[in-house]
Amino acid sequence: MSAATARDEVLLLLAEFGGRTPAEVPERVDSMELAWLAHVIEQRHGRRLDDDTLARIATVSDAAELLGALRAEPPR
């Protein structure tokens, strides 16, 4: 999956959570959005994120990079 596609998915997920359009999602991810992303990644991708990983996600770009990396790994 390309970085742009992972970014688009993160923006769509955050827009869904906040009842807004992807264009309205700010770059900075707040704590509630982070919890939502962790939940969705666990549900859709079967991956539980540890505290160290969650601590490294502060922006949409950080989340997209993580999602891209998770998709590149073989399924567990």
N, C-alpha and C. Protein backbone atom coordinates (compact mmCIF):
# COMPACT_ATOMS: atom_id res chain seq x y z
N MET A 1 0.86 -1.18 0.00
CA MET A 1 0.00 0.00 0.00
C MET A 1 0.89 1.23 0.00
N SER A 2 0.57 2.20 -0.80
CA SER A 2 1.38 3.41 -0.87
C SER A 2 1.12 4.29 0.34
N ALA A 3 2.07 5.18 0.62
CA ALA A 3 1.91 6.10 1.75
C ALA A 3 0.69 6.98 1.56
N ALA A 4 0.45 7.43 0.33
CA ALA A 4 -0.71 8.29 0.07
C ALA A 4 -2.01 7.55 0.37
N THR A 5 -2.08 6.29 -0.01
CA THR A 5 -3.28 5.52 0.25
C THR A 5 -3.48 5.30 1.75
N ALA A 6 -2.41 5.01 2.47
CA ALA A 6 -2.50 4.85 3.92
C ALA A 6 -2.94 6.17 4.56
N ARG A 7 -2.41 7.28 4.08
CA ARG A 7 -2.79 8.59 4.60
C ARG A 7 -4.27 8.86 4.33
N ASP A 8 -4.70 8.53 3.12
CA ASP A 8 -6.12 8.72 2.78
C ASP A 8 -7.01 7.90 3.72
N GLU A 9 -6.59 6.66 4.01
CA GLU A 9 -7.38 5.82 4.92
C GLU A 9 -7.44 6.42 6.31
N VAL A 10 -6.31 6.90 6.81
CA VAL A 10 -6.28 7.53 8.14
C VAL A 10 -7.20 8.75 8.16
N LEU A 11 -7.12 9.57 7.13
CA LEU A 11 -7.99 10.76 7.07
C LEU A 11 -9.46 10.38 7.04
N LEU A 12 -9.79 9.34 6.29
CA LEU A 12 -11.19 8.88 6.25
C LEU A 12 -11.65 8.35 7.60
N LEU A 13 -10.79 7.59 8.28
CA LEU A 13 -11.14 7.07 9.59
C LEU A 13 -11.37 8.19 10.60
N LEU A 14 -10.47 9.18 10.60
CA LEU A 14 -10.61 10.29 11.54
C LEU A 14 -11.81 11.17 11.20
N ALA A 15 -12.09 11.30 9.92
CA ALA A 15 -13.26 12.08 9.51
C ALA A 15 -14.53 11.37 9.97
N GLU A 16 -14.56 10.06 9.80
CA GLU A 16 -15.70 9.25 10.25
C GLU A 16 -15.92 9.42 11.75
N PHE A 17 -14.84 9.36 12.51
CA PHE A 17 -14.92 9.50 13.96
C PHE A 17 -15.43 10.88 14.37
N GLY A 18 -14.97 11.91 13.69
CA GLY A 18 -15.31 13.27 14.09
C GLY A 18 -16.50 13.88 13.37
N GLY A 19 -17.16 13.11 12.50
CA GLY A 19 -18.31 13.64 11.78
C GLY A 19 -17.96 14.83 10.91
N ARG A 20 -16.88 14.70 10.15
CA ARG A 20 -16.40 15.79 9.29
C ARG A 20 -15.88 15.20 7.99
N THR A 21 -15.43 16.05 7.11
CA THR A 21 -14.83 15.58 5.86
C THR A 21 -13.34 15.34 6.08
N PRO A 22 -12.72 14.52 5.24
CA PRO A 22 -11.28 14.33 5.37
C PRO A 22 -10.49 15.64 5.28
N ALA A 23 -10.97 16.58 4.48
CA ALA A 23 -10.28 17.87 4.34
C ALA A 23 -10.30 18.67 5.64
N GLU A 24 -11.25 18.39 6.51
CA GLU A 24 -11.38 19.12 7.78
C GLU A 24 -10.54 18.51 8.91
N VAL A 25 -9.93 17.36 8.67
CA VAL A 25 -9.15 16.69 9.71
C VAL A 25 -7.80 17.40 9.85
N PRO A 26 -7.47 17.87 11.05
CA PRO A 26 -6.17 18.52 11.24
C PRO A 26 -5.03 17.49 11.25
N GLU A 27 -3.82 17.94 11.05
CA GLU A 27 -2.66 17.04 11.04
C GLU A 27 -2.42 16.43 12.42
N ARG A 28 -2.61 17.20 13.47
CA ARG A 28 -2.36 16.70 14.83
C ARG A 28 -3.49 15.77 15.25
N VAL A 29 -3.14 14.61 15.81
CA VAL A 29 -4.10 13.62 16.28
C VAL A 29 -4.26 13.79 17.79
N ASP A 30 -5.52 13.96 18.25
CA ASP A 30 -5.71 14.10 19.70
C ASP A 30 -5.89 12.72 20.34
N SER A 31 -6.00 12.68 21.65
CA SER A 31 -6.03 11.41 22.37
C SER A 31 -7.25 10.56 22.03
N MET A 32 -8.40 11.17 21.84
CA MET A 32 -9.60 10.41 21.47
C MET A 32 -9.47 9.83 20.07
N GLU A 33 -8.91 10.60 19.16
CA GLU A 33 -8.69 10.12 17.80
C GLU A 33 -7.69 8.96 17.80
N LEU A 34 -6.67 9.07 18.64
CA LEU A 34 -5.67 8.01 18.74
C LEU A 34 -6.32 6.72 19.25
N ALA A 35 -7.17 6.85 20.25
CA ALA A 35 -7.88 5.67 20.77
C ALA A 35 -8.75 5.05 19.67
N TRP A 36 -9.42 5.88 18.90
CA TRP A 36 -10.25 5.40 17.79
C TRP A 36 -9.40 4.66 16.75
N LEU A 37 -8.27 5.25 16.38
CA LEU A 37 -7.39 4.61 15.40
C LEU A 37 -6.89 3.26 15.91
N ALA A 38 -6.49 3.21 17.18
CA ALA A 38 -6.02 1.95 17.76
C ALA A 38 -7.12 0.89 17.70
N HIS A 39 -8.33 1.29 18.01
CA HIS A 39 -9.47 0.37 17.96
C HIS A 39 -9.70 -0.13 16.53
N VAL A 40 -9.71 0.76 15.58
CA VAL A 40 -9.98 0.38 14.20
C VAL A 40 -8.87 -0.52 13.65
N ILE A 41 -7.63 -0.19 13.95
CA ILE A 41 -6.51 -1.02 13.48
C ILE A 41 -6.63 -2.42 14.07
N GLU A 42 -7.00 -2.51 15.34
CA GLU A 42 -7.18 -3.82 15.96
C GLU A 42 -8.32 -4.59 15.29
N GLN A 43 -9.44 -3.92 15.05
CA GLN A 43 -10.60 -4.57 14.46
C GLN A 43 -10.39 -4.95 12.99
N ARG A 44 -9.86 -4.05 12.21
CA ARG A 44 -9.76 -4.28 10.76
C ARG A 44 -8.49 -5.00 10.34
N HIS A 45 -7.43 -4.83 11.12
CA HIS A 45 -6.14 -5.38 10.71
C HIS A 45 -5.62 -6.44 11.67
N GLY A 46 -6.37 -6.70 12.73
CA GLY A 46 -5.98 -7.75 13.67
C GLY A 46 -4.70 -7.48 14.41
N ARG A 47 -4.36 -6.21 14.59
CA ARG A 47 -3.11 -5.83 15.26
C ARG A 47 -3.40 -4.96 16.47
N ARG A 48 -2.90 -5.37 17.60
CA ARG A 48 -3.02 -4.57 18.82
C ARG A 48 -1.76 -3.72 18.94
N LEU A 49 -1.94 -2.42 19.15
CA LEU A 49 -0.80 -1.50 19.24
C LEU A 49 -0.37 -1.35 20.69
N ASP A 50 0.92 -1.53 20.94
CA ASP A 50 1.42 -1.38 22.31
C ASP A 50 1.59 0.09 22.65
N ASP A 51 1.83 0.37 23.92
CA ASP A 51 1.93 1.75 24.39
C ASP A 51 3.07 2.52 23.73
N ASP A 52 4.18 1.85 23.47
CA ASP A 52 5.31 2.53 22.82
C ASP A 52 4.94 2.97 21.40
N THR A 53 4.23 2.12 20.69
CA THR A 53 3.80 2.47 19.34
C THR A 53 2.81 3.62 19.37
N LEU A 54 1.83 3.54 20.27
CA LEU A 54 0.84 4.61 20.39
C LEU A 54 1.50 5.94 20.74
N ALA A 55 2.53 5.91 21.56
CA ALA A 55 3.21 7.14 21.97
C ALA A 55 3.91 7.83 20.80
N ARG A 56 4.20 7.07 19.75
CA ARG A 56 4.88 7.66 18.58
C ARG A 56 3.92 8.26 17.57
N ILE A 57 2.61 8.15 17.82
CA ILE A 57 1.62 8.69 16.87
C ILE A 57 1.10 10.02 17.40
N ALA A 58 1.53 11.09 16.76
CA ALA A 58 1.08 12.43 17.15
C ALA A 58 0.40 13.15 15.99
N THR A 59 0.59 12.63 14.78
CA THR A 59 0.06 13.29 13.59
C THR A 59 -0.57 12.27 12.64
N VAL A 60 -1.31 12.78 11.69
CA VAL A 60 -1.87 11.93 10.63
C VAL A 60 -0.74 11.24 9.89
N SER A 61 0.34 11.95 9.64
CA SER A 61 1.49 11.36 8.94
C SER A 61 2.07 10.19 9.71
N ASP A 62 2.20 10.33 11.04
CA ASP A 62 2.69 9.23 11.87
C ASP A 62 1.78 8.01 11.75
N ALA A 63 0.48 8.24 11.83
CA ALA A 63 -0.49 7.15 11.74
C ALA A 63 -0.45 6.48 10.37
N ALA A 64 -0.31 7.27 9.32
CA ALA A 64 -0.24 6.72 7.96
C ALA A 64 1.02 5.88 7.78
N GLU A 65 2.12 6.35 8.32
CA GLU A 65 3.37 5.58 8.24
C GLU A 65 3.21 4.24 8.95
N LEU A 66 2.61 4.25 10.12
CA LEU A 66 2.38 3.01 10.86
C LEU A 66 1.46 2.07 10.08
N LEU A 67 0.36 2.60 9.57
CA LEU A 67 -0.58 1.78 8.82
C LEU A 67 0.08 1.18 7.59
N GLY A 68 0.85 1.96 6.89
CA GLY A 68 1.59 1.44 5.72
C GLY A 68 2.53 0.32 6.11
N ALA A 69 3.23 0.47 7.23
CA ALA A 69 4.15 -0.57 7.70
C ALA A 69 3.40 -1.84 8.10
N LEU A 70 2.26 -1.67 8.76
CA LEU A 70 1.47 -2.84 9.17
C LEU A 70 0.96 -3.60 7.95
N ARG A 71 0.57 -2.90 6.94
CA ARG A 71 0.05 -3.56 5.73
C ARG A 71 1.15 -4.25 4.96
N ALA A 72 2.40 -3.79 5.12
CA ALA A 72 3.52 -4.42 4.42
C ALA A 72 3.96 -5.71 5.11
N GLU A 73 3.61 -5.89 6.39
CA GLU A 73 3.97 -7.09 7.13
C GLU A 73 3.06 -8.24 6.73
N PRO A 74 3.60 -9.46 6.78
CA PRO A 74 2.72 -10.61 6.50
C PRO A 74 1.65 -10.74 7.60
N PRO A 75 0.47 -11.24 7.25
CA PRO A 75 -0.58 -11.40 8.26
C PRO A 75 -0.15 -12.36 9.35
N ARG A 76 -0.66 -12.12 10.56
CA ARG A 76 -0.34 -12.99 11.70
C ARG A 76 -1.36 -14.05 11.86
